[in-house]
C-alpha cells in the first residue's frame, strides 16, 4: 500500500470516528437521503400513467420473486427510495421521522455510523419481509423508507428514552412510551395478518435499531482495531522497504567511488534511477 493509500485509510477512519461535528446539509446523509427520496417520488408522479412507473416499482421495489428468483439483489436497498404516489402520508411521515431523529443521531454518532444504521435497517427490514413472504401469495413489491425510519427511531429511543415529546403533535409522553405504541401496533397488525402495509419490514428495521444501539460501539471499535493493525503493519513494511533501498543505494555509491560512474553496470544505473524517482515521490 502506498503512502497515499495509507493517508486515505486514515481519513476513512476519521470519517467513522467523528461524532461531534455535524456535516453541512449538502454532505449530511440525512438530507441527501431525503432529497433522493423526493426526487424519486417526483419521478414516480411524472411517469405515473406510463410504463416506466411500472418498471420503477418492478425493478427498484423489493419482492420475493425479484430478489430470490431473479436475483435482482439491488432491490434490497433501492426499495427504500420509492414511496406510494397516491398519498403524501407515506413519504411525508417517513421523511419527517428520519429528519427529526436523524439530525441528532448524526451529531451523536457521526455520518459514518449513521449511514451504517440506515443501511442496516434497510437491509434487515427488507430481508425480514421477503423471507417470510416468499412462500405466501403476497407478490406486490414493498416500497418505502419505513424500515429505515423505524430503525432510527428505535436507536434514538434507546439513547433518549425519557425525553418528552408530543405524540402525533398532541399528547405529551416520554419517548419510550411512544416507541412502544408504534412498534406494538406493527406487531398487532402483523399477527392479525394485515398485509396492506409491510409491518414485518417495520419490525425488522426496529430490531436492527436495537442491535445498533447495543453493539455498534463493539463492532466499530473492532473495525478500528483491525484498521490500526493494518496501519502498523503497513508502516513497518514501508520502514523495512526504505532501509533495504537505502542500503542498496549506499552499496552502489560505494561502488561508484571505486570504479567510477562510467564503469557502473547498467543494472545498478537503472536501480539508481528508480531509487531517485522514489525519493522524489516521498518528498511530495
C-alpha atoms as a PDB file:
ATOM      1  CA  UNK A   1       0.000   0.000   0.000  1.00  0.00           C
ATOM      2  CA  UNK A   2       1.316   3.432  -0.941  1.00  0.00           C
ATOM      3  CA  UNK A   3       1.615   6.414   1.346  1.00  0.00           C
ATOM      4  CA  UNK A   4      -1.396   7.910  -0.431  1.00  0.00           C
ATOM      5  CA  UNK A   5      -3.341   4.748   0.271  1.00  0.00           C
ATOM      6  CA  UNK A   6      -2.362   4.896   3.919  1.00  0.00           C
ATOM      7  CA  UNK A   7      -3.458   8.534   4.101  1.00  0.00           C
ATOM      8  CA  UNK A   8      -6.804   7.606   2.551  1.00  0.00           C
ATOM      9  CA  UNK A   9      -7.217   4.848   5.149  1.00  0.00           C
ATOM     10  CA  UNK A  10      -6.584   7.314   7.955  1.00  0.00           C
ATOM     11  CA  UNK A  11      -9.141   9.730   6.504  1.00  0.00           C
ATOM     12  CA  UNK A  12     -11.634   6.853   6.247  1.00  0.00           C
ATOM     13  CA  UNK A  13     -11.028   6.025   9.879  1.00  0.00           C
ATOM     14  CA  UNK A  14     -11.613   9.639  10.924  1.00  0.00           C
ATOM     15  CA  UNK A  15     -14.877   9.601   8.941  1.00  0.00           C
ATOM     16  CA  UNK A  16     -16.144   6.739  11.053  1.00  0.00           C
ATOM     17  CA  UNK A  17     -14.974   8.122  14.407  1.00  0.00           C
ATOM     18  CA  UNK A  18     -16.076  11.747  14.012  1.00  0.00           C
ATOM     19  CA  UNK A  19     -19.103  12.256  16.267  1.00  0.00           C
ATOM     20  CA  UNK A  20     -19.313  15.836  17.462  1.00  0.00           C
ATOM     21  CA  UNK A  21     -19.246  17.898  14.300  1.00  0.00           C
ATOM     22  CA  UNK A  22     -22.374  17.643  12.122  1.00  0.00           C
ATOM     23  CA  UNK A  23     -21.873  17.736   8.382  1.00  0.00           C
ATOM     24  CA  UNK A  24     -23.299  20.521   6.257  1.00  0.00           C
ATOM     25  CA  UNK A  25     -26.707  19.852   4.748  1.00  0.00           C
ATOM     26  CA  UNK A  26     -25.120  19.172   1.360  1.00  0.00           C
ATOM     27  CA  UNK A  27     -22.986  16.390   2.874  1.00  0.00           C
ATOM     28  CA  UNK A  28     -25.357  15.123   5.553  1.00  0.00           C
ATOM     29  CA  UNK A  29     -26.631  11.575   4.864  1.00  0.00           C
ATOM     30  CA  UNK A  30     -29.976  12.619   6.341  1.00  0.00           C
ATOM     31  CA  UNK A  31     -30.565  15.433   3.857  1.00  0.00           C
ATOM     32  CA  UNK A  32     -29.009  13.545   0.945  1.00  0.00           C
ATOM     33  CA  UNK A  33     -31.314  10.585   1.535  1.00  0.00           C
ATOM     34  CA  UNK A  34     -34.361  12.823   1.932  1.00  0.00           C
ATOM     35  CA  UNK A  35     -33.513  14.680  -1.274  1.00  0.00           C
ATOM     36  CA  UNK A  36     -33.120  11.458  -3.244  1.00  0.00           C
ATOM     37  CA  UNK A  37     -36.441  10.147  -1.928  1.00  0.00           C
ATOM     38  CA  UNK A  38     -38.215  13.333  -3.005  1.00  0.00           C
ATOM     39  CA  UNK A  39     -36.624  13.243  -6.470  1.00  0.00           C
ATOM     40  CA  UNK A  40     -37.604   9.599  -6.953  1.00  0.00           C
ATOM     41  CA  UNK A  41     -41.143  10.321  -5.730  1.00  0.00           C
ATOM     42  CA  UNK A  42     -41.455  13.200  -8.226  1.00  0.00           C
ATOM     43  CA  UNK A  43     -40.218  10.880 -10.983  1.00  0.00           C
ATOM     44  CA  UNK A  44     -42.871   8.362  -9.943  1.00  0.00           C
ATOM     45  CA  UNK A  45     -45.526  11.077 -10.151  1.00  0.00           C
ATOM     46  CA  UNK A  46     -44.378  12.223 -13.600  1.00  0.00           C
ATOM     47  CA  UNK A  47     -44.463   8.729 -15.077  1.00  0.00           C
ATOM     48  CA  UNK A  48     -47.495   7.546 -13.113  1.00  0.00           C
ATOM     49  CA  UNK A  49     -49.520   6.793 -16.240  1.00  0.00           C
ATOM     50  CA  UNK A  50     -46.651   5.405 -18.292  1.00  0.00           C
ATOM     51  CA  UNK A  51     -44.998   2.025 -18.461  1.00  0.00           C
ATOM     52  CA  UNK A  52     -41.907   3.457 -16.769  1.00  0.00           C
ATOM     53  CA  UNK A  53     -43.743   3.741 -13.457  1.00  0.00           C
ATOM     54  CA  UNK A  54     -44.403   0.023 -13.560  1.00  0.00           C
ATOM     55  CA  UNK A  55     -40.744  -0.531 -14.326  1.00  0.00           C
ATOM     56  CA  UNK A  56     -39.669   1.587 -11.356  1.00  0.00           C
ATOM     57  CA  UNK A  57     -41.747  -0.492  -8.967  1.00  0.00           C
ATOM     58  CA  UNK A  58     -40.842  -3.758 -10.652  1.00  0.00           C
ATOM     59  CA  UNK A  59     -37.092  -3.251 -10.789  1.00  0.00           C
ATOM     60  CA  UNK A  60     -36.496  -0.997  -7.766  1.00  0.00           C
ATOM     61  CA  UNK A  61     -39.225  -2.186  -5.410  1.00  0.00           C
ATOM     62  CA  UNK A  62     -38.480  -5.264  -3.296  1.00  0.00           C
ATOM     63  CA  UNK A  63     -40.319  -8.510  -3.999  1.00  0.00           C
ATOM     64  CA  UNK A  64     -39.575 -12.137  -3.112  1.00  0.00           C
ATOM     65  CA  UNK A  65     -39.659 -13.116  -6.790  1.00  0.00           C
ATOM     66  CA  UNK A  66     -37.351 -10.305  -7.875  1.00  0.00           C
ATOM     67  CA  UNK A  67     -34.802 -10.811  -5.114  1.00  0.00           C
ATOM     68  CA  UNK A  68     -34.788 -14.571  -4.552  1.00  0.00           C
ATOM     69  CA  UNK A  69     -35.783 -15.896  -8.002  1.00  0.00           C
ATOM     70  CA  UNK A  70     -34.440 -13.311 -10.458  1.00  0.00           C
ATOM     71  CA  UNK A  71     -31.530 -12.311  -8.205  1.00  0.00           C
ATOM     72  CA  UNK A  72     -32.161  -8.576  -8.529  1.00  0.00           C
ATOM     73  CA  UNK A  73     -30.067  -8.023  -5.438  1.00  0.00           C
ATOM     74  CA  UNK A  74     -30.061  -4.233  -5.704  1.00  0.00           C
ATOM     75  CA  UNK A  75     -33.709  -4.251  -4.659  1.00  0.00           C
ATOM     76  CA  UNK A  76     -32.708  -4.796  -1.021  1.00  0.00           C
ATOM     77  CA  UNK A  77     -31.572  -1.158  -0.914  1.00  0.00           C
ATOM     78  CA  UNK A  78     -33.374   0.624  -3.758  1.00  0.00           C
ATOM     79  CA  UNK A  79     -36.869  -0.107  -2.410  1.00  0.00           C
ATOM     80  CA  UNK A  80     -36.241   2.396   0.369  1.00  0.00           C
ATOM     81  CA  UNK A  81     -36.199   5.309  -2.093  1.00  0.00           C
ATOM     82  CA  UNK A  82     -39.659   4.612  -3.573  1.00  0.00           C
ATOM     83  CA  UNK A  83     -42.945   5.642  -1.933  1.00  0.00           C
ATOM     84  CA  UNK A  84     -46.658   5.435  -2.554  1.00  0.00           C
ATOM     85  CA  UNK A  85     -47.634   8.059  -5.133  1.00  0.00           C
ATOM     86  CA  UNK A  86     -51.251   8.049  -4.041  1.00  0.00           C
ATOM     87  CA  UNK A  87     -50.659   9.712  -0.692  1.00  0.00           C
ATOM     88  CA  UNK A  88     -48.337  12.265   0.866  1.00  0.00           C
ATOM     89  CA  UNK A  89     -48.621  10.486   4.210  1.00  0.00           C
ATOM     90  CA  UNK A  90     -46.293   7.618   3.268  1.00  0.00           C
ATOM     91  CA  UNK A  91     -43.322   9.694   2.160  1.00  0.00           C
ATOM     92  CA  UNK A  92     -44.141  12.599   4.465  1.00  0.00           C
ATOM     93  CA  UNK A  93     -44.243  10.596   7.693  1.00  0.00           C
ATOM     94  CA  UNK A  94     -41.132   8.572   6.855  1.00  0.00           C
ATOM     95  CA  UNK A  95     -39.045  11.614   5.962  1.00  0.00           C
ATOM     96  CA  UNK A  96     -40.310  13.517   8.991  1.00  0.00           C
ATOM     97  CA  UNK A  97     -39.133  10.741  11.345  1.00  0.00           C
ATOM     98  CA  UNK A  98     -35.788  10.462   9.544  1.00  0.00           C
ATOM     99  CA  UNK A  99     -35.310  14.255   9.698  1.00  0.00           C
ATOM    100  CA  UNK A 100     -36.470  14.535  13.298  1.00  0.00           C
ATOM    101  CA  UNK A 101     -34.227  11.882  14.861  1.00  0.00           C
ATOM    102  CA  UNK A 102     -31.558  11.748  12.154  1.00  0.00           C
ATOM    103  CA  UNK A 103     -30.121  15.193  12.853  1.00  0.00           C
ATOM    104  CA  UNK A 104     -29.362  14.332  16.479  1.00  0.00           C
ATOM    105  CA  UNK A 105     -28.152  10.835  15.647  1.00  0.00           C
ATOM    106  CA  UNK A 106     -25.687  12.291  13.147  1.00  0.00           C
ATOM    107  CA  UNK A 107     -24.260  14.641  15.781  1.00  0.00           C
ATOM    108  CA  UNK A 108     -24.169  11.795  18.295  1.00  0.00           C
ATOM    109  CA  UNK A 109     -22.655   9.031  16.153  1.00  0.00           C
ATOM    110  CA  UNK A 110     -21.169  10.794  13.138  1.00  0.00           C
ATOM    111  CA  UNK A 111     -22.062  10.436   9.472  1.00  0.00           C
ATOM    112  CA  UNK A 112     -20.352   7.068   9.021  1.00  0.00           C
ATOM    113  CA  UNK A 113     -22.191   5.298  11.823  1.00  0.00           C
ATOM    114  CA  UNK A 114     -25.471   6.903  10.840  1.00  0.00           C
ATOM    115  CA  UNK A 115     -25.069   5.505   7.313  1.00  0.00           C
ATOM    116  CA  UNK A 116     -24.408   2.093   8.880  1.00  0.00           C
ATOM    117  CA  UNK A 117     -27.631   2.425  10.887  1.00  0.00           C
ATOM    118  CA  UNK A 118     -29.640   3.429   7.821  1.00  0.00           C
ATOM    119  CA  UNK A 119     -28.198   0.726   5.554  1.00  0.00           C
ATOM    120  CA  UNK A 120     -28.529  -1.962   8.209  1.00  0.00           C
ATOM    121  CA  UNK A 121     -32.133  -1.012   8.963  1.00  0.00           C
ATOM    122  CA  UNK A 122     -32.978  -1.044   5.254  1.00  0.00           C
ATOM    123  CA  UNK A 123     -31.269  -4.420   4.776  1.00  0.00           C
ATOM    124  CA  UNK A 124     -32.825  -6.218   7.746  1.00  0.00           C
ATOM    125  CA  UNK A 125     -36.255  -4.685   7.119  1.00  0.00           C
ATOM    126  CA  UNK A 126     -36.209  -5.892   3.526  1.00  0.00           C
ATOM    127  CA  UNK A 127     -34.864  -9.347   4.333  1.00  0.00           C
ATOM    128  CA  UNK A 128     -37.455  -9.800   7.082  1.00  0.00           C
ATOM    129  CA  UNK A 129     -40.272  -9.028   4.681  1.00  0.00           C
ATOM    130  CA  UNK A 130     -39.229 -11.057   1.642  1.00  0.00           C
ATOM    131  CA  UNK A 131     -38.092 -14.080   3.671  1.00  0.00           C
ATOM    132  CA  UNK A 132     -41.482 -14.522   5.327  1.00  0.00           C
ATOM    133  CA  UNK A 133     -43.457 -13.509   2.246  1.00  0.00           C
ATOM    134  CA  UNK A 134     -41.523 -15.866  -0.052  1.00  0.00           C
ATOM    135  CA  UNK A 135     -43.974 -18.723   0.497  1.00  0.00           C
ATOM    136  CA  UNK A 136     -47.082 -16.515   0.557  1.00  0.00           C
ATOM    137  CA  UNK A 137     -49.221 -15.185  -2.268  1.00  0.00           C
ATOM    138  CA  UNK A 138     -48.292 -11.572  -1.452  1.00  0.00           C
ATOM    139  CA  UNK A 139     -46.455 -10.568  -4.623  1.00  0.00           C
ATOM    140  CA  UNK A 140     -46.740  -6.758  -4.581  1.00  0.00           C
ATOM    141  CA  UNK A 141     -43.263  -5.173  -4.279  1.00  0.00           C
ATOM    142  CA  UNK A 142     -42.658  -3.452  -0.961  1.00  0.00           C
ATOM    143  CA  UNK A 143     -41.517   0.173  -1.176  1.00  0.00           C
ATOM    144  CA  UNK A 144     -40.698   2.945   1.272  1.00  0.00           C
ATOM    145  CA  UNK A 145     -38.224   4.059   3.916  1.00  0.00           C
ATOM    146  CA  UNK A 146     -40.382   2.927   6.837  1.00  0.00           C
ATOM    147  CA  UNK A 147     -37.872   0.278   7.913  1.00  0.00           C
ATOM    148  CA  UNK A 148     -35.093   2.879   7.937  1.00  0.00           C
ATOM    149  CA  UNK A 149     -37.269   5.303   9.892  1.00  0.00           C
ATOM    150  CA  UNK A 150     -38.147   2.604  12.437  1.00  0.00           C
ATOM    151  CA  UNK A 151     -34.514   1.631  12.926  1.00  0.00           C
ATOM    152  CA  UNK A 152     -33.507   5.241  13.522  1.00  0.00           C
ATOM    153  CA  UNK A 153     -36.496   5.819  15.816  1.00  0.00           C
ATOM    154  CA  UNK A 154     -35.672   2.799  17.994  1.00  0.00           C
ATOM    155  CA  UNK A 155     -31.968   3.692  18.185  1.00  0.00           C
ATOM    156  CA  UNK A 156     -32.955   7.230  19.202  1.00  0.00           C
ATOM    157  CA  UNK A 157     -35.384   5.897  21.814  1.00  0.00           C
ATOM    158  CA  UNK A 158     -32.744   3.681  23.430  1.00  0.00           C
ATOM    159  CA  UNK A 159     -30.467   6.712  23.667  1.00  0.00           C
ATOM    160  CA  UNK A 160     -33.088   9.147  24.954  1.00  0.00           C
ATOM    161  CA  UNK A 161     -35.887   7.016  26.473  1.00  0.00           C
ATOM    162  CA  UNK A 162     -37.189   9.680  28.860  1.00  0.00           C
ATOM    163  CA  UNK A 163     -37.253  12.633  26.509  1.00  0.00           C
ATOM    164  CA  UNK A 164     -40.730  14.166  26.481  1.00  0.00           C
ATOM    165  CA  UNK A 165     -42.377  14.589  23.076  1.00  0.00           C
ATOM    166  CA  UNK A 166     -45.837  15.367  21.731  1.00  0.00           C
ATOM    167  CA  UNK A 167     -47.078  12.114  20.229  1.00  0.00           C
ATOM    168  CA  UNK A 168     -48.896  12.890  16.980  1.00  0.00           C
ATOM    169  CA  UNK A 169     -48.248  16.550  17.878  1.00  0.00           C
ATOM    170  CA  UNK A 170     -50.939  16.332  20.579  1.00  0.00           C
ATOM    171  CA  UNK A 171     -50.289  14.058  23.561  1.00  0.00           C
ATOM    172  CA  UNK A 172     -47.285  14.616  25.805  1.00  0.00           C
ATOM    173  CA  UNK A 173     -45.444  11.400  26.648  1.00  0.00           C
ATOM    174  CA  UNK A 174     -41.944  10.031  27.080  1.00  0.00           C
ATOM    175  CA  UNK A 175     -40.105   8.750  24.047  1.00  0.00           C
ATOM    176  CA  UNK A 176     -40.095   5.121  25.151  1.00  0.00           C
ATOM    177  CA  UNK A 177     -43.887   5.096  25.525  1.00  0.00           C
ATOM    178  CA  UNK A 178     -44.395   6.462  22.004  1.00  0.00           C
ATOM    179  CA  UNK A 179     -41.958   3.922  20.588  1.00  0.00           C
ATOM    180  CA  UNK A 180     -43.717   1.036  22.360  1.00  0.00           C
ATOM    181  CA  UNK A 181     -47.045   2.199  20.913  1.00  0.00           C
ATOM    182  CA  UNK A 182     -45.688   2.426  17.358  1.00  0.00           C
ATOM    183  CA  UNK A 183     -43.864  -0.913  17.458  1.00  0.00           C
ATOM    184  CA  UNK A 184     -46.770  -2.553  19.285  1.00  0.00           C
ATOM    185  CA  UNK A 185     -49.226  -1.525  16.588  1.00  0.00           C
ATOM    186  CA  UNK A 186     -46.997  -3.128  13.963  1.00  0.00           C
ATOM    187  CA  UNK A 187     -46.820  -6.355  15.992  1.00  0.00           C
ATOM    188  CA  UNK A 188     -50.618  -6.480  16.429  1.00  0.00           C
ATOM    189  CA  UNK A 189     -51.317  -5.796  12.764  1.00  0.00           C
ATOM    190  CA  UNK A 190     -48.713  -8.316  11.606  1.00  0.00           C
ATOM    191  CA  UNK A 191     -50.147 -11.025  13.839  1.00  0.00           C
ATOM    192  CA  UNK A 192     -53.580 -10.084  12.536  1.00  0.00           C
ATOM    193  CA  UNK A 193     -52.345 -10.916   9.021  1.00  0.00           C
ATOM    194  CA  UNK A 194     -52.949  -7.363   7.764  1.00  0.00           C
ATOM    195  CA  UNK A 195     -50.845  -7.230   4.585  1.00  0.00           C
ATOM    196  CA  UNK A 196     -51.640  -3.845   3.068  1.00  0.00           C
ATOM    197  CA  UNK A 197     -48.608  -2.483   4.968  1.00  0.00           C
ATOM    198  CA  UNK A 198     -45.253  -4.260   5.295  1.00  0.00           C
ATOM    199  CA  UNK A 199     -45.394  -4.488   9.092  1.00  0.00           C
ATOM    200  CA  UNK A 200     -42.687  -7.135   9.254  1.00  0.00           C
ATOM    201  CA  UNK A 201     -40.332  -4.780   7.425  1.00  0.00           C
ATOM    202  CA  UNK A 202     -41.045  -2.140  10.077  1.00  0.00           C
ATOM    203  CA  UNK A 203     -40.236  -4.664  12.798  1.00  0.00           C
ATOM    204  CA  UNK A 204     -37.048  -5.746  11.044  1.00  0.00           C
ATOM    205  CA  UNK A 205     -35.866  -2.152  10.909  1.00  0.00           C
ATOM    206  CA  UNK A 206     -36.791  -1.655  14.560  1.00  0.00           C
ATOM    207  CA  UNK A 207     -34.833  -4.775  15.531  1.00  0.00           C
ATOM    208  CA  UNK A 208     -31.727  -3.504  13.762  1.00  0.00           C
ATOM    209  CA  UNK A 209     -32.088  -0.176  15.579  1.00  0.00           C
ATOM    210  CA  UNK A 210     -31.940  -2.091  18.864  1.00  0.00           C
ATOM    211  CA  UNK A 211     -28.920  -4.112  17.700  1.00  0.00           C
ATOM    212  CA  UNK A 212     -27.191  -0.936  16.560  1.00  0.00           C
ATOM    213  CA  UNK A 213     -27.626   0.726  19.939  1.00  0.00           C
ATOM    214  CA  UNK A 214     -26.344  -2.325  21.786  1.00  0.00           C
ATOM    215  CA  UNK A 215     -23.451  -3.425  19.579  1.00  0.00           C
ATOM    216  CA  UNK A 216     -22.361  -0.512  17.362  1.00  0.00           C
ATOM    217  CA  UNK A 217     -19.554   0.524  19.710  1.00  0.00           C
ATOM    218  CA  UNK A 218     -18.220  -3.035  19.886  1.00  0.00           C
ATOM    219  CA  UNK A 219     -18.393  -3.522  16.103  1.00  0.00           C
ATOM    220  CA  UNK A 220     -16.903  -0.138  15.212  1.00  0.00           C
ATOM    221  CA  UNK A 221     -14.191  -0.468  17.858  1.00  0.00           C
ATOM    222  CA  UNK A 222     -13.330  -3.855  16.374  1.00  0.00           C
ATOM    223  CA  UNK A 223     -13.154  -2.372  12.874  1.00  0.00           C
ATOM    224  CA  UNK A 224     -10.942   0.445  14.129  1.00  0.00           C
ATOM    225  CA  UNK A 225      -8.658  -2.007  15.936  1.00  0.00           C
ATOM    226  CA  UNK A 226      -8.326  -4.007  12.726  1.00  0.00           C
ATOM    227  CA  UNK A 227      -7.586  -0.820  10.771  1.00  0.00           C
ATOM    228  CA  UNK A 228      -4.939   0.165  13.340  1.00  0.00           C
ATOM    229  CA  UNK A 229      -3.333  -3.248  12.980  1.00  0.00           C
ATOM    230  CA  UNK A 230      -3.216  -2.844   9.200  1.00  0.00           C
ATOM    231  CA  UNK A 231      -1.777   0.659   9.572  1.00  0.00           C
ATOM    232  CA  UNK A 232       1.009  -0.554  11.886  1.00  0.00           C
ATOM    233  CA  UNK A 233       1.789  -3.437   9.544  1.00  0.00           C
ATOM    234  CA  UNK A 234       1.952  -1.052   6.574  1.00  0.00           C
ATOM    235  CA  UNK A 235       4.235   1.364   8.421  1.00  0.00           C
ATOM    236  CA  UNK A 236       6.602  -1.494   9.340  1.00  0.00           C
ATOM    237  CA  UNK A 237       6.660  -2.630   5.719  1.00  0.00           C
ATOM    238  CA  UNK A 238       7.447   0.877   4.488  1.00  0.00           C
ATOM    239  CA  UNK A 239      10.265   1.290   7.034  1.00  0.00           C
ATOM    240  CA  UNK A 240      11.776  -2.073   6.033  1.00  0.00           C
ATOM    241  CA  UNK A 241      11.470  -1.224   2.350  1.00  0.00           C
ATOM    242  CA  UNK A 242      13.184   2.144   2.909  1.00  0.00           C
ATOM    243  CA  UNK A 243      16.000   0.546   4.900  1.00  0.00           C
ATOM    244  CA  UNK A 244      16.631  -2.007   2.132  1.00  0.00           C
ATOM    245  CA  UNK A 245      16.534   0.732  -0.505  1.00  0.00           C
ATOM    246  CA  UNK A 246      18.968   2.930   1.425  1.00  0.00           C
ATOM    247  CA  UNK A 247      21.345   0.021   1.953  1.00  0.00           C
ATOM    248  CA  UNK A 248      21.399  -0.859  -1.755  1.00  0.00           C
ATOM    249  CA  UNK A 249      21.926   2.799  -2.734  1.00  0.00           C
ATOM    250  CA  UNK A 250      24.842   3.079  -0.283  1.00  0.00           C
ATOM    251  CA  UNK A 251      26.410  -0.048  -1.789  1.00  0.00           C
ATOM    252  CA  UNK A 252      26.099   1.358  -5.329  1.00  0.00           C
ATOM    253  CA  UNK A 253      27.528   4.746  -4.271  1.00  0.00           C
ATOM    254  CA  UNK A 254      30.489   2.948  -2.684  1.00  0.00           C
ATOM    255  CA  UNK A 255      31.000   1.062  -5.938  1.00  0.00           C
ATOM    256  CA  UNK A 256      30.971   4.347  -7.874  1.00  0.00           C
ATOM    257  CA  UNK A 257      33.732   5.715  -5.669  1.00  0.00           C
ATOM    258  CA  UNK A 258      35.834   2.668  -6.503  1.00  0.00           C
ATOM    259  CA  UNK A 259      35.256   2.167 -10.247  1.00  0.00           C
ATOM    260  CA  UNK A 260      33.736   5.475 -11.352  1.00  0.00           C
ATOM    261  CA  UNK A 261      30.288   6.267 -12.716  1.00  0.00           C
ATOM    262  CA  UNK A 262      31.226   5.415 -16.316  1.00  0.00           C
ATOM    263  CA  UNK A 263      32.159   1.872 -15.327  1.00  0.00           C
ATOM    264  CA  UNK A 264      28.970   1.245 -13.298  1.00  0.00           C
ATOM    265  CA  UNK A 265      26.945  -1.760 -14.555  1.00  0.00           C
ATOM    266  CA  UNK A 266      23.693  -0.927 -16.367  1.00  0.00           C
ATOM    267  CA  UNK A 267      21.529  -2.706 -13.789  1.00  0.00           C
ATOM    268  CA  UNK A 268      22.993  -0.541 -10.990  1.00  0.00           C
ATOM    269  CA  UNK A 269      22.390   2.594 -13.061  1.00  0.00           C
ATOM    270  CA  UNK A 270      18.780   1.569 -13.596  1.00  0.00           C
ATOM    271  CA  UNK A 271      18.354   0.896  -9.867  1.00  0.00           C
ATOM    272  CA  UNK A 272      19.716   4.374  -9.012  1.00  0.00           C
ATOM    273  CA  UNK A 273      17.299   5.989 -11.454  1.00  0.00           C
ATOM    274  CA  UNK A 274      14.362   4.138  -9.921  1.00  0.00           C
ATOM    275  CA  UNK A 275      15.543   4.960  -6.413  1.00  0.00           C
ATOM    276  CA  UNK A 276      15.827   8.645  -7.340  1.00  0.00           C
ATOM    277  CA  UNK A 277      12.215   8.684  -8.538  1.00  0.00           C
ATOM    278  CA  UNK A 278      11.019   7.008  -5.365  1.00  0.00           C
ATOM    279  CA  UNK A 279      12.862   9.504  -3.156  1.00  0.00           C
ATOM    280  CA  UNK A 280      11.258  12.366  -5.069  1.00  0.00           C
ATOM    281  CA  UNK A 281       7.795  10.819  -4.687  1.00  0.00           C
ATOM    282  CA  UNK A 282       8.242  10.634  -0.906  1.00  0.00           C
ATOM    283  CA  UNK A 283       9.104  14.325  -0.743  1.00  0.00           C
ATOM    284  CA  UNK A 284       5.863  15.403  -2.453  1.00  0.00           C
END
